[in-house]
Amino acid sequence: MPSPQPPVPVPARTALTWDVTFPAPTAPDQPSRAAAEGVSPALLRRVAGFHQAQLTDARFLWCEDGEWALCHLELSTAPQEEPVVTLRTAPLTGPPSGLTAREVDIISLVALGLSNRETSSRLGTSIRTVTTQVERLLKKLGQDSRAGLSALAVDRDLIRLPIPGGVEHRSGIRVLDIERHAATVVGLPVARRSRRHHPATGRAGRPTVRIGTIVVAGAFAADGRESARGAALAVRDINALRHDHGRSVEHLTVHIDPFDPASVEDALAELAEADVDAVTSSYASALSPAVFGFAADFGRTFLHTNTWTRSVDAVRADPRRLGHVFQTCPSETAYQSALLGYLRGHRAEGDAPPRVAIVELDGYGCAITDDTFTARVREAGWSVTSTHRVGLTVEHVDDLVKEVLHDRPDLVVVSHLSVETAAALQNAITRHRPHQLTYHIYTPSVPGFARRIEHRGGQVIWSTVTGRPDDPLGLRFSERYARAFGVPPGRSQASAAYDQVRMVHAAFSITGSLRPEAVGAYLRDSAYRGVNGTYLFASPGQAVSGYPYDSGDASLSQPIRTYRLSTAGQELLPLPA
């Protein structure tokens, strides 16, 4: 079967890198040799603020002369006579995440902790205007509070320097401390274009493993936070356990809005420029063909939780080109099997079979219906009243739900990736038929789903093909995650991302090689026990099997989990006999 996504060349490596050194202080604002190297004095002042704040790593947005860039500052750990900070600038086509320049300024000031009145004073606009813009930001970025906006600004590198009006007090946020110290800089450092980074030849001698994580943004930002935090926790745990001769992990997180081509292009270019040794991802490759194409052409080990069976088919059909691509969860066929298992376990007494209505996202790894679905539902003792295929957004939710409920189904199935859309459908179902039993695919695994729905009361069932159990490994992961981020993890992507990073690092460590061929051979020949279950890539499509539907061996697969969502929380339902 041909690949579902066309080949996409590796993006041009347009990002630039400088080594910035700090000679003895000179007179304030004395011109340095940096101007000839392409770094403006204003940006150099922030590099100096980074050094003065005694930071080791920071990222921020920068816009100068209308040109946007994502800046990454990193203190070199190599022994040398004077400190060296590496400055990397990745050009952007504009503000990220679909924001405007003014919205970037506002979210930066919100992160600083300013009120709407203080923000309006700094921006020279009315309080009413700022209030409206903050409300728009909350909706656009899927947040419920200013605290959520602040956390998102830090997590997704949305803070732009310079901060309007400056920063007067210590904030606890590294980027803001850069701005505070930049105001007191005396003299400027010297920047020279770096010639230490040679992607074609430098990987083998590098003392670290460099792992990139693709984080979905935009409508999928809630899931993106889960995977970003899970991967970051894995990196922290690995580096804390590293022995004297082991390789620590350098971690690069890039955020993409899958439906913003510029966002995708910029993020993939950053991964290529950083010359990462492996890439981990959730379902970005199902949403954006460019991500799957990049993974194929970049040639480095690529781990994903894209459940689309077409991706597995592509790997099976072309192992030479895609042999380094691994699906770290079962495929969407397991969603159908789990639903049928639930239906078989809930047959009704009497002559008339109970009825089920289906609402499913058209494509993107969420399909549960196929040519055999109606017959298999009938074999399970049920009947299908209607099937409705929808897009990522649904404009007339109430009209759709009225149509779905017209035949008074005993069960409504909602299969969707967007938390906002799935919750809107659930709320409309509750409004029109308060005690309707619904069965969701995946989205309740994201913490934001439960907050968005108006009524739980035990009437929501849901399943996931990859999920965190409440066994000792799962509980220990949950405790560490909650301590690190102040909130509990969801049921799927946080632990999946954690497992991906730990698993690929284990492959690097055991093989002693960064070559995708060696890492891939290890992953295919070994089983790895992670938080979400066992990862075994023995099948030609290099996807994990689901228990008990794909595999009868629970020790070499991941259990397909079904839950009941109620006011008491998540109740795990037993697997069908």
Protein backbone atom coordinates (compact mmCIF):
# COMPACT_ATOMS: atom_id res chain seq x y z
CA MET A 1 0.00 0.00 0.00
CA PRO A 2 1.51 3.40 -0.90
CA SER A 3 2.47 5.82 1.81
CA PRO A 4 -0.45 8.04 2.88
CA GLN A 5 1.81 11.05 2.88
CA PRO A 6 3.97 12.29 0.00
CA PRO A 7 7.73 12.62 0.59
CA VAL A 8 8.68 16.01 1.96
CA PRO A 9 12.31 17.18 1.76
CA VAL A 10 14.13 17.99 4.97
CA PRO A 11 13.57 21.73 5.52
CA ALA A 12 16.37 24.10 4.63
CA ARG A 13 18.63 24.69 7.61
CA THR A 14 18.15 28.42 7.85
CA ALA A 15 18.78 28.76 11.59
CA LEU A 16 22.04 30.44 12.60
CA THR A 17 24.41 29.80 15.51
CA TRP A 18 26.91 32.10 17.24
CA ASP A 19 29.45 31.67 20.03
CA VAL A 20 29.19 34.65 22.37
CA THR A 21 32.14 35.41 24.68
CA PHE A 22 32.48 37.87 27.55
CA PRO A 23 35.77 39.77 27.61
CA ALA A 24 36.62 42.24 30.34
CA PRO A 25 33.93 44.95 30.75
CA THR A 26 34.32 48.11 28.69
CA ALA A 27 32.44 51.37 28.57
CA PRO A 28 28.65 51.15 28.36
CA ASP A 29 27.34 50.45 24.87
CA GLN A 30 30.83 50.33 23.37
CA PRO A 31 30.46 48.85 19.88
CA SER A 32 31.67 45.28 19.64
CA ARG A 33 32.76 43.13 16.73
CA ALA A 34 29.29 41.55 16.87
CA ALA A 35 27.75 43.90 14.33
CA ALA A 36 29.83 42.35 11.56
CA GLU A 37 28.68 38.90 12.67
CA GLY A 38 24.99 39.69 12.28
CA VAL A 39 23.84 40.04 15.92
CA SER A 40 22.31 43.37 16.88
CA PRO A 41 23.42 45.21 20.05
CA ALA A 42 19.87 44.85 21.42
CA LEU A 43 19.99 41.06 21.14
CA LEU A 44 23.53 40.95 22.50
CA ARG A 45 22.29 42.86 25.54
CA ARG A 46 19.86 39.99 26.24
CA VAL A 47 22.67 37.45 25.85
CA ALA A 48 24.63 39.45 28.40
CA GLY A 49 21.55 39.52 30.67
CA PHE A 50 21.35 35.72 30.37
CA HIS A 51 24.99 35.42 31.44
CA GLN A 52 24.56 37.95 34.25
CA ALA A 53 21.52 36.02 35.55
CA GLN A 54 23.75 32.91 35.78
CA LEU A 55 21.38 30.85 33.66
CA THR A 56 22.32 27.73 31.69
CA ASP A 57 19.47 27.47 29.17
CA ALA A 58 16.64 29.73 27.96
CA ARG A 59 14.42 30.31 24.92
CA PHE A 60 12.42 33.36 23.86
CA LEU A 61 10.87 35.09 20.87
CA TRP A 62 12.65 38.01 19.22
CA CYS A 63 11.38 40.44 16.61
CA GLU A 64 13.61 43.05 15.04
CA ASP A 65 12.91 45.09 11.90
CA GLY A 66 9.80 43.00 11.37
CA GLU A 67 11.75 39.73 11.33
CA TRP A 68 10.69 37.09 13.88
CA ALA A 69 12.92 34.40 15.34
CA LEU A 70 13.00 31.89 18.16
CA CYS A 71 16.20 32.40 20.16
CA HIS A 72 17.86 29.66 22.20
CA LEU A 73 20.64 30.52 24.65
CA GLU A 74 22.77 27.80 26.19
CA LEU A 75 25.82 28.08 28.43
CA SER A 76 28.64 25.92 27.12
CA THR A 77 29.88 23.29 29.56
CA ALA A 78 33.13 22.67 27.69
CA PRO A 79 36.30 23.76 29.55
CA GLN A 80 37.58 27.12 28.32
CA GLU A 81 39.30 30.24 29.63
CA GLU A 82 36.24 32.49 29.39
CA PRO A 83 32.50 31.67 29.46
CA VAL A 84 30.83 30.97 26.13
CA VAL A 85 27.11 31.19 25.45
CA THR A 86 25.74 29.56 22.30
CA LEU A 87 23.08 31.69 20.60
CA ARG A 88 20.84 29.97 18.06
CA THR A 89 18.22 31.87 16.10
CA ALA A 90 15.56 29.97 14.15
CA PRO A 91 13.75 32.33 11.73
CA LEU A 92 9.94 32.40 11.92
CA THR A 93 7.49 33.68 9.33
CA GLY A 94 5.64 35.56 12.08
CA PRO A 95 4.37 35.10 15.64
CA PRO A 96 3.87 31.40 16.48
CA SER A 97 0.67 29.53 17.40
CA GLY A 98 -1.49 31.78 15.24
CA LEU A 99 -0.98 34.79 17.54
CA THR A 100 -0.63 38.42 16.56
CA ALA A 101 2.31 40.54 17.66
CA ARG A 102 0.09 42.38 20.13
CA GLU A 103 -1.18 39.06 21.55
CA VAL A 104 2.42 37.96 22.08
CA ASP A 105 3.07 41.18 24.03
CA ILE A 106 -0.04 40.62 26.15
CA ILE A 107 0.74 36.99 26.98
CA SER A 108 4.29 38.08 27.88
CA LEU A 109 2.93 40.69 30.31
CA VAL A 110 0.44 38.18 31.73
CA ALA A 111 3.39 35.86 32.41
CA LEU A 112 5.05 38.79 34.21
CA GLY A 113 2.03 38.82 36.53
CA LEU A 114 0.58 42.17 35.49
CA SER A 115 -3.12 42.99 35.75
CA ASN A 116 -5.18 44.22 32.81
CA ARG A 117 -4.85 47.77 34.12
CA GLU A 118 -1.05 47.51 34.36
CA THR A 119 -0.88 45.90 30.92
CA SER A 120 -3.00 48.64 29.34
CA SER A 121 -0.72 51.28 30.87
CA ARG A 122 2.39 49.68 29.38
CA LEU A 123 0.84 49.18 25.96
CA GLY A 124 -0.87 52.59 25.84
CA THR A 125 -4.33 51.17 25.23
CA SER A 126 -7.60 50.94 27.16
CA ILE A 127 -8.35 48.43 29.90
CA ARG A 128 -11.41 47.30 27.93
CA THR A 129 -9.26 46.51 24.91
CA VAL A 130 -6.79 44.51 27.00
CA THR A 131 -9.62 42.63 28.73
CA THR A 132 -11.08 41.66 25.35
CA GLN A 133 -7.67 40.57 24.06
CA VAL A 134 -6.98 38.44 27.15
CA GLU A 135 -10.38 36.75 26.79
CA ARG A 136 -9.61 36.08 23.13
CA LEU A 137 -6.24 34.59 24.08
CA LEU A 138 -7.86 32.29 26.65
CA LYS A 139 -10.24 30.96 24.01
CA LYS A 140 -7.65 30.75 21.23
CA LEU A 141 -5.14 28.83 23.38
CA GLY A 142 -7.70 26.69 25.19
CA GLN A 143 -6.97 28.01 28.69
CA ASP A 144 -9.28 28.60 31.62
CA SER A 145 -7.29 31.21 33.55
CA ARG A 146 -4.47 33.75 33.45
CA ALA A 147 -2.34 31.20 35.33
CA GLY A 148 -2.92 28.79 32.45
CA LEU A 149 -1.84 31.46 29.96
CA SER A 150 1.32 32.10 31.99
CA ALA A 151 2.19 28.41 32.11
CA LEU A 152 1.54 28.08 28.38
CA ALA A 153 3.72 31.10 27.62
CA VAL A 154 6.62 29.41 29.41
CA ASP A 155 5.95 25.88 28.11
CA ARG A 156 5.65 26.96 24.49
CA ASP A 157 8.28 29.73 24.42
CA LEU A 158 5.74 32.47 23.67
CA ILE A 159 7.44 35.24 25.70
CA ARG A 160 8.97 37.93 23.53
CA LEU A 161 11.87 40.12 24.47
CA PRO A 162 12.17 42.99 25.04
CA ILE A 163 9.24 43.08 27.49
CA PRO A 164 7.24 46.33 27.08
CA GLY A 165 8.18 48.51 30.06
CA GLY A 166 10.91 46.15 31.25
CA VAL A 167 11.10 43.84 34.27
CA GLU A 168 11.85 45.34 37.67
CA HIS A 169 11.68 42.42 40.08
CA ARG A 170 12.85 38.81 40.17
CA SER A 171 10.13 36.71 38.56
CA GLY A 172 11.16 33.07 38.87
CA ILE A 173 10.81 32.80 35.07
CA ARG A 174 14.20 32.57 33.36
CA VAL A 175 13.29 34.60 30.28
CA LEU A 176 11.97 37.47 32.40
CA ASP A 177 15.12 37.42 34.52
CA ILE A 178 17.12 37.86 31.31
CA GLU A 179 15.22 41.08 30.63
CA ARG A 180 15.69 42.30 34.22
CA HIS A 181 19.46 41.84 34.07
CA ALA A 182 19.73 43.19 30.52
CA ALA A 183 18.74 46.62 31.84
CA THR A 184 21.93 46.79 33.95
CA VAL A 185 24.43 45.40 31.43
CA VAL A 186 27.67 47.36 31.12
CA GLY A 187 29.46 46.73 27.84
CA LEU A 188 28.51 44.12 25.27
CA PRO A 189 29.89 40.63 24.64
CA VAL A 190 31.45 39.49 21.37
CA ALA A 191 29.61 37.17 18.97
CA ARG A 192 31.22 35.09 16.24
CA ARG A 193 29.48 32.67 13.91
CA SER A 194 29.94 29.18 15.32
CA ARG A 195 31.93 26.66 13.35
CA ARG A 196 31.80 23.95 15.98
CA HIS A 197 28.55 22.39 14.76
CA HIS A 198 28.99 20.09 11.77
CA PRO A 199 25.86 17.94 11.50
CA ALA A 200 27.29 15.57 8.95
CA THR A 201 30.29 14.55 11.04
CA GLY A 202 29.81 15.69 14.62
CA ARG A 203 27.25 13.28 16.07
CA ALA A 204 29.45 10.31 16.95
CA GLY A 205 31.86 12.39 19.00
CA ARG A 206 29.18 14.30 20.86
CA PRO A 207 29.14 13.55 24.62
CA THR A 208 25.33 13.73 24.76
CA VAL A 209 22.29 12.18 23.10
CA ARG A 210 20.13 14.83 21.48
CA ILE A 211 16.41 14.01 21.42
CA GLY A 212 13.78 16.22 19.80
CA THR A 213 10.12 16.14 20.83
CA ILE A 214 7.36 17.40 18.54
CA VAL A 215 4.56 18.94 20.61
CA VAL A 216 1.17 19.60 19.04
CA ALA A 217 -0.23 23.09 19.56
CA GLY A 218 -3.24 25.10 18.44
CA ALA A 219 -6.45 23.10 18.94
CA PHE A 220 -4.39 20.26 20.45
CA ALA A 221 -2.43 22.32 22.97
CA ALA A 222 -3.85 20.45 25.99
CA ASP A 223 -2.41 17.19 24.66
CA GLY A 224 0.78 19.01 23.71
CA ARG A 225 1.37 20.02 27.31
CA GLU A 226 0.98 16.40 28.38
CA SER A 227 3.59 15.08 25.95
CA ALA A 228 5.99 18.00 26.52
CA ARG A 229 5.93 17.47 30.27
CA GLY A 230 6.18 13.69 30.05
CA ALA A 231 9.21 13.90 27.77
CA ALA A 232 10.85 16.56 29.98
CA LEU A 233 10.34 14.38 33.06
CA ALA A 234 12.01 11.45 31.28
CA VAL A 235 15.01 13.62 30.39
CA ARG A 236 15.29 14.78 33.99
CA ASP A 237 15.15 11.22 35.30
CA ILE A 238 17.71 9.96 32.78
CA ASN A 239 20.17 12.74 33.52
CA ALA A 240 19.77 12.24 37.27
CA LEU A 241 20.61 8.53 36.92
CA ARG A 242 23.51 8.93 34.48
CA HIS A 243 26.79 7.35 35.57
CA ASP A 244 30.22 8.83 34.97
CA HIS A 245 30.60 7.41 31.46
CA GLY A 246 26.96 7.46 30.36
CA ARG A 247 25.59 9.95 27.86
CA SER A 248 23.22 12.56 29.23
CA VAL A 249 20.29 13.84 27.16
CA GLU A 250 20.01 17.20 25.45
CA HIS A 251 16.32 17.84 24.87
CA LEU A 252 14.84 20.05 22.17
CA THR A 253 11.08 20.66 22.24
CA VAL A 254 9.42 22.16 19.16
CA HIS A 255 5.75 23.17 18.98
CA ILE A 256 3.70 22.85 15.82
CA ASP A 257 0.19 23.84 14.93
CA PRO A 258 -0.49 20.98 12.46
CA PHE A 259 -2.72 23.19 10.32
CA ASP A 260 -0.29 26.09 10.11
CA PRO A 261 2.25 25.12 7.41
CA ALA A 262 4.67 27.85 8.52
CA SER A 263 4.59 26.55 12.09
CA VAL A 264 5.31 23.01 10.88
CA GLU A 265 8.09 24.14 8.57
CA ASP A 266 9.80 26.20 11.27
CA ALA A 267 9.66 23.41 13.84
CA LEU A 268 11.00 20.77 11.47
CA ALA A 269 13.76 23.12 10.34
CA GLU A 270 14.75 23.58 13.98
CA LEU A 271 14.96 19.81 14.51
CA ALA A 272 17.09 19.45 11.40
CA GLU A 273 19.39 22.32 12.38
CA ALA A 274 19.84 20.87 15.86
CA ASP A 275 20.81 17.56 14.22
CA VAL A 276 18.82 15.56 16.77
CA ASP A 277 19.58 11.85 17.12
CA ALA A 278 15.92 10.80 17.52
CA VAL A 279 12.48 12.38 17.39
CA THR A 280 9.51 11.56 19.63
CA SER A 281 5.99 12.64 18.83
CA SER A 282 2.34 12.07 19.64
CA TYR A 283 -0.08 12.10 16.68
CA ALA A 284 1.37 15.10 14.80
CA SER A 285 2.23 12.86 11.83
CA ALA A 286 -1.47 11.95 11.43
CA LEU A 287 -2.50 15.60 11.37
CA SER A 288 0.31 16.95 9.17
CA PRO A 289 1.65 14.99 6.17
CA ALA A 290 4.82 17.09 6.34
CA VAL A 291 5.77 15.55 9.70
CA PHE A 292 5.60 11.99 8.38
CA GLY A 293 7.51 13.03 5.27
CA PHE A 294 10.15 14.74 7.38
CA ALA A 295 10.53 11.62 9.53
CA ALA A 296 11.07 9.51 6.42
CA ASP A 297 13.64 11.81 4.82
CA PHE A 298 15.48 12.94 7.95
CA GLY A 299 16.37 9.30 8.58
CA ARG A 300 16.69 9.40 12.38
CA THR A 301 14.78 7.15 14.76
CA PHE A 302 11.19 8.43 14.93
CA LEU A 303 8.72 7.29 17.63
CA HIS A 304 5.05 8.32 17.45
CA THR A 305 1.57 7.58 18.79
CA ASN A 306 -0.23 8.21 15.51
CA THR A 307 -2.84 5.41 15.48
CA TRP A 308 -3.61 5.71 11.77
CA THR A 309 -3.38 2.22 10.24
CA ARG A 310 -2.27 3.78 6.96
CA SER A 311 0.98 4.83 8.65
CA VAL A 312 1.61 1.25 9.76
CA ASP A 313 0.81 0.03 6.25
CA ALA A 314 3.32 2.51 4.82
CA VAL A 315 6.12 1.21 7.08
CA ARG A 316 5.23 -2.39 6.19
CA ALA A 317 5.24 -1.60 2.46
CA ASP A 318 8.53 0.33 2.42
CA PRO A 319 10.84 -0.85 5.23
CA ARG A 320 13.94 0.42 3.43
CA ARG A 321 12.72 4.02 3.57
CA LEU A 322 10.69 3.85 6.79
CA GLY A 323 12.48 1.21 8.85
CA HIS A 324 13.40 3.82 11.47
CA VAL A 325 9.72 4.76 12.14
CA PHE A 326 8.04 3.07 15.12
CA GLN A 327 4.44 3.37 16.34
CA THR A 328 4.52 3.18 20.13
CA CYS A 329 0.84 2.26 20.56
CA PRO A 330 -1.72 -0.06 18.97
CA SER A 331 -3.62 1.18 15.91
CA GLU A 332 -7.17 2.45 15.50
CA THR A 333 -8.40 -1.09 14.75
CA ALA A 334 -8.00 -1.73 18.50
CA TYR A 335 -10.51 1.08 19.17
CA GLN A 336 -13.09 -0.83 17.16
CA SER A 337 -12.24 -4.08 18.94
CA ALA A 338 -12.57 -2.43 22.37
CA LEU A 339 -15.96 -0.96 21.44
CA LEU A 340 -17.20 -4.33 20.17
CA GLY A 341 -15.97 -5.94 23.38
CA TYR A 342 -17.97 -3.43 25.39
CA LEU A 343 -21.08 -4.05 23.26
CA ARG A 344 -20.79 -7.82 23.67
CA GLY A 345 -20.60 -7.35 27.43
CA HIS A 346 -23.75 -5.19 27.49
CA ARG A 347 -26.28 -7.09 25.43
CA ALA A 348 -29.89 -6.29 26.30
CA GLU A 349 -32.55 -8.79 27.20
CA GLY A 350 -35.51 -9.06 24.84
CA ASP A 351 -36.20 -9.38 21.13
CA ALA A 352 -35.08 -5.97 19.88
CA PRO A 353 -31.31 -5.45 19.85
CA PRO A 354 -30.02 -2.25 21.49
CA ARG A 355 -28.97 0.49 19.12
CA VAL A 356 -25.75 2.47 18.68
CA ALA A 357 -25.14 5.74 16.77
CA ILE A 358 -21.62 6.72 15.65
CA VAL A 359 -20.03 10.17 15.35
CA GLU A 360 -16.45 9.89 14.13
CA LEU A 361 -13.68 12.13 12.89
CA ASP A 362 -13.09 11.47 9.21
CA GLY A 363 -9.49 10.23 9.11
CA TYR A 364 -6.54 11.14 11.35
CA GLY A 365 -6.42 7.73 13.07
CA CYS A 366 -9.86 7.94 14.67
CA ALA A 367 -11.87 5.72 12.33
CA ILE A 368 -13.74 2.91 14.09
CA THR A 369 -16.13 2.03 11.26
CA ASP A 370 -15.23 0.09 8.12
CA ASP A 371 -16.94 -2.24 5.66
CA THR A 372 -17.30 -4.95 8.31
CA PHE A 373 -18.38 -2.75 11.21
CA THR A 374 -22.16 -3.04 10.88
CA ALA A 375 -21.99 -6.83 10.58
CA ARG A 376 -19.68 -7.10 13.59
CA VAL A 377 -21.98 -4.89 15.66
CA ARG A 378 -24.88 -7.17 14.69
CA GLU A 379 -22.85 -10.20 15.79
CA ALA A 380 -22.32 -8.45 19.14
CA GLY A 381 -26.11 -8.26 19.56
CA TRP A 382 -26.58 -4.58 18.66
CA SER A 383 -27.64 -2.59 15.60
CA VAL A 384 -26.28 0.63 14.06
CA THR A 385 -28.86 3.40 13.72
CA SER A 386 -26.63 5.97 11.99
CA THR A 387 -23.02 6.92 11.27
CA HIS A 388 -21.94 10.58 11.05
CA ARG A 389 -18.46 11.51 9.83
CA VAL A 390 -17.31 14.99 10.86
CA GLY A 391 -14.28 17.22 10.54
CA LEU A 392 -11.96 18.52 13.23
CA THR A 393 -14.49 21.24 14.02
CA VAL A 394 -18.29 21.01 13.91
CA GLU A 395 -20.09 24.28 13.22
CA HIS A 396 -23.69 23.25 13.95
CA VAL A 397 -23.28 20.94 16.90
CA ASP A 398 -26.89 21.03 18.09
CA ASP A 399 -28.26 20.23 14.64
CA LEU A 400 -25.89 17.27 14.34
CA VAL A 401 -26.74 15.96 17.80
CA LYS A 402 -30.48 16.19 17.14
CA GLU A 403 -29.93 14.04 14.06
CA VAL A 404 -27.79 11.56 16.02
CA LEU A 405 -30.42 11.26 18.76
CA HIS A 406 -33.40 11.11 16.40
CA ASP A 407 -33.72 7.31 16.63
CA ARG A 408 -33.14 7.31 20.41
CA PRO A 409 -30.00 5.14 20.39
CA ASP A 410 -29.06 3.28 23.54
CA LEU A 411 -25.43 4.32 23.06
CA VAL A 412 -23.77 7.21 21.20
CA VAL A 413 -20.13 6.72 20.23
CA VAL A 414 -17.95 9.82 19.73
CA SER A 415 -14.54 9.21 18.13
CA HIS A 416 -12.55 12.43 17.86
CA LEU A 417 -9.09 13.89 18.53
CA SER A 418 -10.04 17.44 19.48
CA VAL A 419 -10.88 17.81 23.17
CA GLU A 420 -12.88 20.97 22.47
CA THR A 421 -14.98 19.36 19.72
CA ALA A 422 -15.55 16.12 21.66
CA ALA A 423 -16.60 18.07 24.78
CA ALA A 424 -18.93 20.28 22.73
CA LEU A 425 -20.60 17.17 21.29
CA GLN A 426 -20.92 15.65 24.77
CA ASN A 427 -22.48 18.82 26.19
CA ALA A 428 -24.97 19.03 23.32
CA ILE A 429 -25.92 15.38 23.87
CA THR A 430 -26.47 16.09 27.59
CA ARG A 431 -28.62 19.15 26.81
CA HIS A 432 -30.89 17.27 24.44
CA ARG A 433 -30.99 13.96 26.32
CA PRO A 434 -29.58 14.28 29.87
CA HIS A 435 -29.24 10.55 30.64
CA GLN A 436 -27.87 9.43 27.28
CA LEU A 437 -25.01 6.94 27.63
CA THR A 438 -22.00 7.92 25.49
CA TYR A 439 -18.78 6.13 24.61
CA HIS A 440 -15.78 8.31 23.69
CA ILE A 441 -12.59 7.33 21.95
CA TYR A 442 -9.42 8.72 23.56
CA THR A 443 -10.24 12.41 24.29
CA PRO A 444 -11.23 11.92 27.97
CA SER A 445 -7.61 10.88 28.56
CA VAL A 446 -6.74 14.59 28.31
CA PRO A 447 -7.32 16.45 31.62
CA GLY A 448 -9.11 19.33 29.88
CA PHE A 449 -11.98 17.11 28.75
CA ALA A 450 -13.43 16.52 32.22
CA ARG A 451 -13.31 20.27 32.96
CA ARG A 452 -15.20 21.10 29.78
CA ILE A 453 -18.15 18.76 30.08
CA GLU A 454 -21.23 19.84 32.02
CA HIS A 455 -22.34 16.47 33.42
CA ARG A 456 -20.52 13.23 34.15
CA GLY A 457 -22.65 11.13 36.49
CA GLY A 458 -21.38 7.80 35.16
CA GLN A 459 -22.92 8.29 31.71
CA VAL A 460 -19.58 8.62 29.88
CA ILE A 461 -17.54 5.54 28.94
CA TRP A 462 -14.26 5.85 27.08
CA SER A 463 -11.30 3.82 25.89
CA THR A 464 -7.69 4.37 24.89
CA VAL A 465 -5.22 2.16 23.04
CA THR A 466 -2.30 3.47 25.09
CA GLY A 467 -2.84 4.50 28.68
CA ARG A 468 -1.32 4.71 32.13
CA PRO A 469 -2.45 2.04 34.59
CA ASP A 470 -2.62 2.47 38.35
CA ASP A 471 0.01 -0.20 38.99
CA PRO A 472 3.26 0.58 40.88
CA LEU A 473 4.96 1.98 37.76
CA GLY A 474 1.96 4.14 36.89
CA LEU A 475 1.50 5.44 40.42
CA ARG A 476 5.18 6.27 40.79
CA PHE A 477 5.15 8.13 37.46
CA SER A 478 2.01 10.05 38.51
CA GLU A 479 3.60 11.11 41.79
CA ARG A 480 6.78 12.38 40.11
CA TYR A 481 4.78 14.17 37.42
CA ALA A 482 2.55 15.89 39.99
CA ARG A 483 5.56 17.00 42.04
CA ALA A 484 7.29 18.37 38.96
CA PHE A 485 4.35 20.22 37.39
CA GLY A 486 1.82 20.75 40.17
CA VAL A 487 -0.98 18.84 38.40
CA PRO A 488 -1.65 15.13 37.87
CA PRO A 489 -0.98 13.64 34.43
CA GLY A 490 -3.66 12.59 32.00
CA ARG A 491 -4.19 8.97 31.10
CA SER A 492 -2.31 8.74 27.81
CA GLN A 493 0.19 11.12 26.22
CA ALA A 494 2.20 12.18 29.29
CA SER A 495 3.25 8.62 30.14
CA ALA A 496 3.53 7.67 26.45
CA ALA A 497 6.00 10.52 25.85
CA TYR A 498 7.90 9.53 28.99
CA ASP A 499 8.20 5.97 27.72
CA GLN A 500 9.34 7.06 24.26
CA VAL A 501 12.29 9.08 25.59
CA ARG A 502 13.32 6.41 28.10
CA MET A 503 13.05 3.65 25.49
CA VAL A 504 15.07 5.35 22.75
CA HIS A 505 17.73 6.42 25.26
CA ALA A 506 17.96 2.80 26.44
CA ALA A 507 18.51 1.75 22.82
CA PHE A 508 21.29 4.32 22.40
CA SER A 509 22.92 3.24 25.66
CA ILE A 510 22.79 -0.51 25.08
CA THR A 511 23.92 -0.42 21.46
CA GLY A 512 26.52 2.30 22.12
CA SER A 513 25.57 3.76 18.75
CA LEU A 514 23.62 6.73 17.42
CA ARG A 515 23.04 5.07 14.05
CA PRO A 516 19.34 4.53 13.28
CA GLU A 517 20.16 1.10 11.86
CA ALA A 518 21.62 -0.08 15.17
CA VAL A 519 18.90 1.53 17.27
CA GLY A 520 16.18 0.12 15.01
CA ALA A 521 17.62 -3.39 15.17
CA TYR A 522 17.60 -3.22 18.97
CA LEU A 523 14.01 -1.94 19.11
CA ARG A 524 12.83 -4.69 16.75
CA ASP A 525 14.58 -7.47 18.69
CA SER A 526 13.80 -6.38 22.26
CA ALA A 527 10.79 -5.76 24.47
CA TYR A 528 10.75 -2.65 26.65
CA ARG A 529 8.50 -2.40 29.71
CA GLY A 530 7.36 1.17 30.23
CA VAL A 531 4.68 2.96 32.20
CA ASN A 532 1.97 2.34 29.57
CA GLY A 533 2.82 -1.33 29.08
CA THR A 534 5.23 -3.38 26.98
CA TYR A 535 6.63 -2.08 23.71
CA LEU A 536 7.47 -4.79 21.17
CA PHE A 537 8.01 -3.91 17.48
CA ALA A 538 8.25 -7.42 16.06
CA SER A 539 5.52 -6.94 13.42
CA PRO A 540 6.47 -5.73 9.90
CA GLY A 541 4.57 -2.46 10.45
CA GLN A 542 6.60 -1.82 13.64
CA ALA A 543 3.57 -1.03 15.80
CA VAL A 544 2.80 -2.13 19.34
CA SER A 545 0.10 -4.81 19.79
CA GLY A 546 -2.93 -4.31 22.01
CA TYR A 547 -4.13 -6.84 24.55
CA PRO A 548 -6.41 -8.78 24.30
CA TYR A 549 -7.50 -7.88 20.75
CA ASP A 550 -4.23 -7.88 18.76
CA SER A 551 -2.36 -10.23 21.08
CA GLY A 552 -3.29 -12.78 23.71
CA ASP A 553 -0.02 -12.24 25.54
CA ALA A 554 -0.45 -9.46 28.08
CA SER A 555 3.28 -9.48 28.88
CA LEU A 556 4.24 -8.46 25.31
CA SER A 557 1.57 -5.88 24.51
CA GLN A 558 -0.28 -2.87 25.87
CA PRO A 559 -3.68 -3.42 27.51
CA ILE A 560 -6.56 -1.62 25.79
CA ARG A 561 -8.19 0.25 28.68
CA THR A 562 -11.83 1.23 29.08
CA TYR A 563 -12.99 3.64 31.79
CA ARG A 564 -16.15 5.11 33.22
CA LEU A 565 -15.91 8.86 33.77
CA SER A 566 -17.93 10.02 36.77
CA THR A 567 -17.93 12.68 39.45
CA ALA A 568 -15.71 10.34 41.49
CA GLY A 569 -13.04 10.28 38.77
CA GLN A 570 -11.92 7.55 36.36
CA GLU A 571 -13.12 4.01 37.07
CA LEU A 572 -11.29 1.28 35.14
CA LEU A 573 -13.74 -1.24 33.71
CA PRO A 574 -12.74 -4.93 33.47
CA LEU A 575 -11.71 -6.38 30.14
CA PRO A 576 -14.40 -8.51 28.48
CA ALA A 577 -14.21 -12.22 29.17
